[in-house]
Amino acid sequence: MKRFSLIYKIIIIYIVANLIIFVPLNRYIFKNIDSFYTFFQNSNRLFKYDQMPNLSMKSHWINDYRDAGDNIIVVGDSTVEDFYVKYEDSICGLLDRRLFNDERPHVFNFGSSGTKSVYVMERIKKAASYNPDLIIWQMGAGSFTEIEWAFPFDAKGFDISLGGNLPAAYNNVFKINNENGYFISRELRSSLVPLHRYSDFYPILVDGLKAKSVGVAPAFPNERHMTVQIGDVKVTEKFYGIPFDESTRYFDVVGEVCKFVTDRGIGLMIYIAPINQSIMNQKYEAGYYDKLYDVVKNYADAYYVPVLNIYNVVPDELFIDGGHLKEEGDSIVAGKLYDFVVENFPKVAGD
């Protein structure tokens, strides 16, 4: 009996500690994120978004230009995040200079490594909340992996909530699948146990304090990648001809996203990102990307959302691996995006 009594006491102490210490501490960190000496002071990319979406959004520099107009948000995976290059050499930075070329930023990077279409709605909704003139959604074959739902799928399955509250975290559980399971379980843990929500922030804060003590800038998560050059990464994965199976990849999320964005009067375009052609020919069946484009365009056309297919515009020698590019490849992509924006959204481009 005493043993159970001790367990109850520990549980009560733990709950009380969370309520009187960690909930206020989390609130303080969130409200003052730009005052800590870390890369969250004024972030131009959504670093650590998967671990701390609300902190990443709070620290992102788009908050300084929410109502400034002429804003474009690019949503996608690591090829948008572009962690291999300096921001000014990234796709978003290059596109910004091509379209506007003035002192303030206009093209904002909401790329986050590993983003899949089946849970991209959460990030699209956050992008739309800033009411930009245009959202650019990047995708590729890796965005549409085979999905296995834990519960019977319904039309709301694409819309999960991160950085929210306990009821939203519980509601996520009924939308769980093999791709979003990590985010859903983490969000539930963070909501049930406030100590866990910003656990990833504390090591970053310690690193920042160490950097400040010696008078250097706080380290960015991508710094170890900056010296990677084309061809440095050796691709060891064994590939095979993955067939194009529309039934298991739930392309109807394209229609869901298109409807959500266009219903709010926000411009939307989609682009299918470049892939290393030699790897593509091994990994996917012949014509996979053409089939991908046809299906995506079919859903997007219903909402008059234009789709740019540039999967084969970058030579293989400009790839670091199967999909990531260095500056030369990013420049090609930015040029194609520029031409497409000018053609389809002349008012956004200022033409």
Protein backbone atom coordinates (compact mmCIF):
# COMPACT_ATOMS: atom_id res chain seq x y z
CA MET A 1 0.00 0.00 0.00
CA LYS A 2 2.84 2.37 0.87
CA ARG A 3 4.40 1.66 -2.51
CA PHE A 4 1.21 2.73 -4.29
CA SER A 5 0.97 5.77 -2.05
CA LEU A 6 4.49 6.79 -3.13
CA ILE A 7 3.59 6.37 -6.80
CA TYR A 8 0.54 8.60 -6.38
CA LYS A 9 2.66 11.23 -4.65
CA ILE A 10 5.21 11.19 -7.47
CA ILE A 11 2.44 11.55 -10.05
CA ILE A 12 0.87 14.45 -8.16
CA ILE A 13 4.22 16.20 -7.70
CA TYR A 14 4.98 15.73 -11.39
CA ILE A 15 1.63 17.18 -12.46
CA VAL A 16 1.94 20.13 -10.09
CA ALA A 17 5.51 20.80 -11.23
CA ASN A 18 4.35 20.90 -14.84
CA LEU A 19 1.49 23.26 -14.03
CA ILE A 20 3.34 25.73 -11.83
CA ILE A 21 6.80 25.57 -13.43
CA PHE A 22 6.87 24.26 -16.99
CA VAL A 23 3.62 25.70 -18.32
CA PRO A 24 4.64 29.26 -17.30
CA LEU A 25 8.20 28.58 -18.49
CA ASN A 26 6.94 27.43 -21.91
CA ARG A 27 4.78 30.52 -22.15
CA TYR A 28 7.75 32.73 -21.27
CA ILE A 29 9.99 31.06 -23.86
CA PHE A 30 7.33 31.44 -26.55
CA LYS A 31 6.68 35.11 -25.82
CA ASN A 32 10.37 35.99 -25.59
CA ILE A 33 11.91 33.67 -28.16
CA ASP A 34 13.59 36.55 -30.00
CA SER A 35 15.43 37.68 -26.87
CA PHE A 36 17.37 34.44 -26.36
CA TYR A 37 20.80 34.19 -27.96
CA THR A 38 19.94 31.37 -30.36
CA PHE A 39 19.23 30.96 -34.07
CA PHE A 40 15.56 31.50 -33.20
CA GLN A 41 16.22 35.24 -32.80
CA ASN A 42 15.28 35.97 -36.41
CA SER A 43 15.08 32.75 -38.37
CA ASN A 44 14.74 32.80 -42.16
CA ARG A 45 13.87 29.09 -42.37
CA LEU A 46 11.68 26.80 -40.31
CA PHE A 47 14.56 25.07 -38.56
CA LYS A 48 13.42 22.50 -35.97
CA TYR A 49 9.85 22.93 -37.22
CA ASP A 50 9.03 19.25 -36.72
CA GLN A 51 10.16 19.43 -33.10
CA MET A 52 8.89 22.91 -32.20
CA PRO A 53 6.45 24.24 -34.79
CA ASN A 54 5.10 27.06 -32.65
CA LEU A 55 8.58 28.35 -31.75
CA SER A 56 9.71 28.13 -35.36
CA MET A 57 6.70 30.14 -36.51
CA LYS A 58 7.06 32.68 -33.70
CA SER A 59 10.71 33.33 -34.54
CA HIS A 60 10.33 33.36 -38.31
CA TRP A 61 11.08 36.75 -39.88
CA ILE A 62 7.78 36.80 -41.78
CA ASN A 63 6.26 38.07 -38.52
CA ASP A 64 8.01 41.39 -39.15
CA TYR A 65 6.30 41.73 -42.55
CA ARG A 66 2.89 40.19 -41.98
CA ASP A 67 0.98 43.22 -43.25
CA ALA A 68 3.59 44.64 -45.60
CA GLY A 69 2.09 43.17 -48.80
CA ASP A 70 3.80 41.51 -51.75
CA ASN A 71 4.53 38.39 -49.71
CA ILE A 72 5.14 34.92 -51.14
CA ILE A 73 5.45 31.80 -48.97
CA VAL A 74 7.10 28.64 -50.27
CA VAL A 75 5.98 25.39 -48.58
CA GLY A 76 7.78 22.12 -49.18
CA ASP A 77 10.42 19.68 -48.01
CA SER A 78 14.20 19.90 -47.56
CA THR A 79 14.73 20.99 -51.16
CA VAL A 80 12.83 24.17 -50.23
CA GLU A 81 14.43 24.43 -46.80
CA ASP A 82 17.68 24.25 -48.79
CA PHE A 83 19.88 23.54 -45.79
CA TYR A 84 22.93 22.88 -48.00
CA VAL A 85 23.36 26.51 -49.03
CA LYS A 86 23.38 29.98 -47.50
CA TYR A 87 19.97 31.58 -47.46
CA GLU A 88 20.84 34.18 -50.07
CA ASP A 89 21.82 31.35 -52.43
CA SER A 90 18.73 29.26 -51.70
CA ILE A 91 15.78 28.94 -54.07
CA CYS A 92 13.73 31.35 -51.96
CA GLY A 93 16.53 33.90 -51.71
CA LEU A 94 17.26 33.76 -55.44
CA LEU A 95 13.58 34.01 -56.37
CA ASP A 96 13.16 36.96 -54.02
CA ARG A 97 15.93 38.94 -55.74
CA ARG A 98 14.61 38.08 -59.20
CA LEU A 99 11.08 39.19 -58.40
CA PHE A 100 11.63 42.18 -56.09
CA ASN A 101 15.30 43.02 -55.49
CA ASP A 102 14.75 45.51 -52.71
CA GLU A 103 15.85 45.82 -49.11
CA ARG A 104 13.18 43.78 -47.36
CA PRO A 105 12.39 40.09 -47.90
CA HIS A 106 9.28 39.10 -49.83
CA VAL A 107 9.73 35.35 -50.43
CA PHE A 108 9.56 33.38 -47.19
CA ASN A 109 10.93 29.88 -46.69
CA PHE A 110 8.49 27.49 -44.99
CA GLY A 111 10.38 24.41 -46.16
CA SER A 112 10.83 21.63 -43.61
CA SER A 113 12.75 18.43 -44.16
CA GLY A 114 10.69 15.35 -44.96
CA THR A 115 7.38 17.14 -45.57
CA LYS A 116 4.82 14.74 -47.05
CA SER A 117 1.62 15.70 -48.84
CA VAL A 118 -0.56 13.75 -46.42
CA TYR A 119 0.23 16.15 -43.56
CA VAL A 120 1.19 19.30 -45.48
CA MET A 121 -2.22 20.87 -44.78
CA GLU A 122 -1.04 21.81 -41.29
CA ARG A 123 1.80 23.88 -42.76
CA ILE A 124 -0.37 25.28 -45.56
CA LYS A 125 -2.86 26.52 -42.94
CA LYS A 126 -0.09 28.29 -41.03
CA ALA A 127 1.15 29.84 -44.27
CA ALA A 128 -2.37 30.98 -45.20
CA SER A 129 -2.81 32.59 -41.77
CA TYR A 130 -0.28 35.22 -42.87
CA ASN A 131 -2.53 36.10 -45.83
CA PRO A 132 0.25 36.17 -48.43
CA ASP A 133 -0.35 37.11 -52.05
CA LEU A 134 0.89 33.72 -53.22
CA ILE A 135 1.70 30.31 -51.75
CA ILE A 136 4.09 28.12 -53.74
CA TRP A 137 3.76 24.43 -52.90
CA GLN A 138 6.68 22.17 -53.83
CA MET A 139 6.24 18.43 -54.23
CA GLY A 140 7.81 15.36 -55.80
CA ALA A 141 7.45 11.59 -55.79
CA GLY A 142 8.73 11.53 -52.20
CA SER A 143 5.80 13.73 -51.17
CA PHE A 144 3.36 10.97 -52.08
CA THR A 145 4.42 7.82 -50.27
CA GLU A 146 2.18 4.84 -49.59
CA ILE A 147 -0.17 5.62 -46.72
CA GLU A 148 -1.56 3.20 -44.16
CA TRP A 149 -4.23 4.67 -41.89
CA ALA A 150 -4.63 3.37 -38.35
CA PHE A 151 -8.36 4.14 -38.45
CA PRO A 152 -10.81 4.27 -41.36
CA PHE A 153 -9.82 7.21 -43.54
CA ASP A 154 -12.10 10.22 -43.89
CA ALA A 155 -11.82 13.59 -45.60
CA LYS A 156 -10.49 15.23 -42.43
CA GLY A 157 -7.51 12.90 -42.20
CA PHE A 158 -5.11 15.33 -43.85
CA ASP A 159 -5.61 18.12 -41.31
CA ILE A 160 -3.57 17.61 -38.13
CA SER A 161 -2.69 20.22 -35.51
CA LEU A 162 0.82 20.91 -34.21
CA GLY A 163 1.75 23.44 -31.56
CA GLY A 164 -1.86 23.56 -30.43
CA ASN A 165 -3.61 22.28 -27.32
CA LEU A 166 -4.65 19.03 -25.67
CA PRO A 167 -8.09 18.65 -27.36
CA ALA A 168 -6.49 19.19 -30.78
CA ALA A 169 -3.72 16.74 -29.91
CA TYR A 170 -6.29 14.08 -28.98
CA ASN A 171 -8.25 14.77 -32.17
CA ASN A 172 -5.06 14.11 -34.16
CA VAL A 173 -5.00 10.51 -32.96
CA PHE A 174 -7.97 9.57 -35.12
CA LYS A 175 -6.08 10.79 -38.21
CA ILE A 176 -2.89 8.85 -37.53
CA ASN A 177 -1.04 7.04 -40.32
CA ASN A 178 2.44 5.73 -41.03
CA GLU A 179 3.71 9.16 -42.14
CA ASN A 180 2.26 11.51 -39.55
CA GLY A 181 2.52 9.19 -36.54
CA TYR A 182 5.72 10.80 -35.27
CA PHE A 183 4.20 14.29 -35.24
CA ILE A 184 0.93 13.15 -33.70
CA SER A 185 2.60 11.20 -30.88
CA ARG A 186 5.02 14.03 -30.16
CA GLU A 187 2.23 16.61 -30.09
CA LEU A 188 0.22 14.45 -27.68
CA ARG A 189 3.22 14.01 -25.38
CA SER A 190 3.95 17.74 -25.47
CA SER A 191 0.35 18.57 -24.59
CA LEU A 192 0.06 16.00 -21.81
CA VAL A 193 3.51 16.73 -20.40
CA PRO A 194 4.47 20.41 -20.79
CA LEU A 195 8.03 19.59 -19.70
CA HIS A 196 8.43 17.80 -23.02
CA ARG A 197 7.22 20.57 -25.34
CA TYR A 198 10.41 22.62 -25.48
CA SER A 199 12.85 19.93 -24.40
CA ASP A 200 14.72 20.39 -27.70
CA PHE A 201 15.13 24.08 -27.02
CA TYR A 202 17.24 23.76 -23.88
CA PRO A 203 20.36 22.32 -25.60
CA ILE A 204 20.03 25.05 -28.24
CA LEU A 205 19.88 27.66 -25.48
CA VAL A 206 22.97 26.20 -23.80
CA ASP A 207 24.84 26.28 -27.11
CA GLY A 208 23.78 29.90 -27.56
CA LEU A 209 25.03 30.87 -24.11
CA LYS A 210 28.35 29.19 -24.84
CA ALA A 211 28.62 31.06 -28.14
CA LYS A 212 27.75 34.37 -26.48
CA SER A 213 30.40 33.85 -23.79
CA VAL A 214 33.12 33.72 -26.45
CA GLY A 215 31.60 36.43 -28.65
CA VAL A 216 30.53 34.39 -31.67
CA ALA A 217 27.22 34.03 -33.47
CA PRO A 218 24.93 31.19 -32.39
CA ALA A 219 25.29 28.10 -34.56
CA PHE A 220 22.63 27.24 -37.13
CA PRO A 221 21.52 23.61 -37.50
CA ASN A 222 22.66 23.55 -41.13
CA GLU A 223 26.23 24.74 -40.66
CA ARG A 224 27.71 21.25 -40.91
CA HIS A 225 26.16 20.93 -44.37
CA MET A 226 27.48 24.19 -45.79
CA THR A 227 30.76 22.74 -47.05
CA VAL A 228 29.13 19.77 -48.79
CA GLN A 229 29.89 20.00 -52.48
CA ILE A 230 28.31 18.40 -55.51
CA GLY A 231 29.16 14.72 -55.57
CA ASP A 232 30.36 14.59 -51.94
CA VAL A 233 27.36 12.54 -50.83
CA LYS A 234 27.54 8.94 -51.94
CA VAL A 235 24.18 7.37 -52.67
CA THR A 236 24.20 3.83 -51.28
CA GLU A 237 20.47 3.11 -51.26
CA LYS A 238 19.36 0.14 -53.35
CA PHE A 239 16.73 1.29 -55.79
CA TYR A 240 13.99 -0.55 -57.62
CA GLY A 241 11.24 0.36 -60.05
CA ILE A 242 8.50 1.65 -57.76
CA PRO A 243 5.19 1.49 -59.61
CA PHE A 244 2.83 4.45 -59.79
CA ASP A 245 -0.13 3.40 -57.63
CA GLU A 246 -2.58 6.26 -57.32
CA SER A 247 -4.87 4.32 -54.97
CA THR A 248 -2.41 4.16 -52.03
CA ARG A 249 -1.02 7.70 -52.17
CA TYR A 250 -4.16 9.77 -51.63
CA PHE A 251 -3.68 12.48 -54.23
CA ASP A 252 -7.00 14.01 -53.20
CA VAL A 253 -5.02 16.02 -50.66
CA VAL A 254 -4.08 18.21 -53.64
CA GLY A 255 -7.72 19.14 -54.07
CA GLU A 256 -8.12 19.69 -50.31
CA VAL A 257 -5.19 22.11 -50.25
CA CYS A 258 -6.25 23.90 -53.43
CA LYS A 259 -9.75 24.43 -52.09
CA PHE A 260 -8.54 25.64 -48.70
CA VAL A 261 -6.16 28.22 -50.18
CA THR A 262 -8.26 29.48 -53.07
CA ASP A 263 -11.38 29.80 -50.87
CA ARG A 264 -9.42 32.40 -48.94
CA GLY A 265 -8.59 34.42 -52.03
CA ILE A 266 -4.89 33.55 -51.83
CA GLY A 267 -2.96 32.69 -54.97
CA LEU A 268 -1.56 29.16 -55.18
CA MET A 269 0.82 27.44 -57.56
CA ILE A 270 2.40 23.99 -57.41
CA TYR A 271 5.75 22.89 -58.73
CA ILE A 272 7.11 19.38 -59.09
CA ALA A 273 10.75 19.61 -58.04
CA PRO A 274 13.81 18.33 -59.94
CA ILE A 275 15.14 14.84 -59.32
CA ASN A 276 18.44 13.21 -60.28
CA GLN A 277 17.46 11.48 -63.51
CA SER A 278 19.79 8.49 -63.16
CA ILE A 279 18.41 7.76 -59.71
CA MET A 280 14.84 8.37 -60.85
CA ASN A 281 15.25 5.82 -63.65
CA GLN A 282 16.32 3.21 -61.11
CA LYS A 283 13.94 4.07 -58.29
CA TYR A 284 10.68 4.57 -60.19
CA GLU A 285 8.93 2.89 -63.06
CA ALA A 286 9.24 4.47 -66.50
CA GLY A 287 7.05 7.56 -66.85
CA TYR A 288 6.44 7.88 -63.09
CA TYR A 289 6.92 11.65 -62.97
CA ASP A 290 4.78 12.23 -66.04
CA LYS A 291 1.97 10.27 -64.38
CA LEU A 292 2.53 12.24 -61.17
CA TYR A 293 2.20 15.51 -63.05
CA ASP A 294 -0.98 14.40 -64.84
CA VAL A 295 -2.71 13.38 -61.61
CA VAL A 296 -1.68 16.48 -59.66
CA LYS A 297 -2.68 18.75 -62.54
CA ASN A 298 -6.06 17.03 -62.78
CA TYR A 299 -6.85 17.88 -59.15
CA ALA A 300 -5.36 21.39 -59.37
CA ASP A 301 -7.17 22.31 -62.59
CA ALA A 302 -10.51 22.10 -60.77
CA TYR A 303 -9.42 25.13 -58.75
CA TYR A 304 -7.51 26.91 -61.54
CA VAL A 305 -4.22 26.29 -59.74
CA PRO A 306 -1.31 26.18 -62.22
CA VAL A 307 1.26 23.38 -61.96
CA LEU A 308 4.89 23.71 -63.06
CA ASN A 309 6.67 20.44 -63.90
CA ILE A 310 10.47 20.88 -63.70
CA TYR A 311 11.48 17.40 -62.60
CA ASN A 312 14.06 17.08 -65.41
CA VAL A 313 15.47 20.61 -65.83
CA VAL A 314 18.62 20.22 -63.68
CA PRO A 315 21.56 18.15 -64.99
CA ASP A 316 22.58 15.23 -62.79
CA GLU A 317 26.02 16.71 -62.19
CA LEU A 318 24.43 19.57 -60.20
CA PHE A 319 22.84 17.24 -57.64
CA ILE A 320 24.47 16.41 -54.32
CA ASP A 321 22.33 13.26 -54.13
CA GLY A 322 18.94 12.22 -55.44
CA GLY A 323 17.17 15.53 -54.88
CA HIS A 324 19.28 18.13 -53.07
CA LEU A 325 21.06 20.82 -55.07
CA LYS A 326 23.88 23.24 -54.53
CA GLU A 327 23.88 26.84 -55.78
CA GLU A 328 24.07 26.10 -59.51
CA GLY A 329 21.04 23.85 -59.44
CA ASP A 330 19.05 26.19 -57.20
CA SER A 331 19.69 29.01 -59.64
CA ILE A 332 18.07 26.98 -62.44
CA VAL A 333 15.03 26.20 -60.29
CA ALA A 334 14.67 29.84 -59.18
CA GLY A 335 14.77 30.93 -62.83
CA LYS A 336 11.99 28.53 -63.79
CA LEU A 337 9.87 29.63 -60.83
CA TYR A 338 10.42 33.27 -61.72
CA ASP A 339 9.21 32.77 -65.29
CA PHE A 340 6.16 30.82 -64.06
CA VAL A 341 5.18 33.41 -61.44
CA VAL A 342 5.52 36.27 -63.93
CA GLU A 343 3.38 34.38 -66.46
CA ASN A 344 0.64 33.22 -64.07
CA PHE A 345 0.67 35.85 -61.31
CA PRO A 346 1.79 39.13 -62.96
CA LYS A 347 0.27 41.26 -60.19
CA VAL A 348 2.27 39.42 -57.54
CA ALA A 349 5.42 39.82 -59.61
CA GLY A 350 4.75 43.53 -59.99
CA ASP A 351 4.45 43.35 -63.80
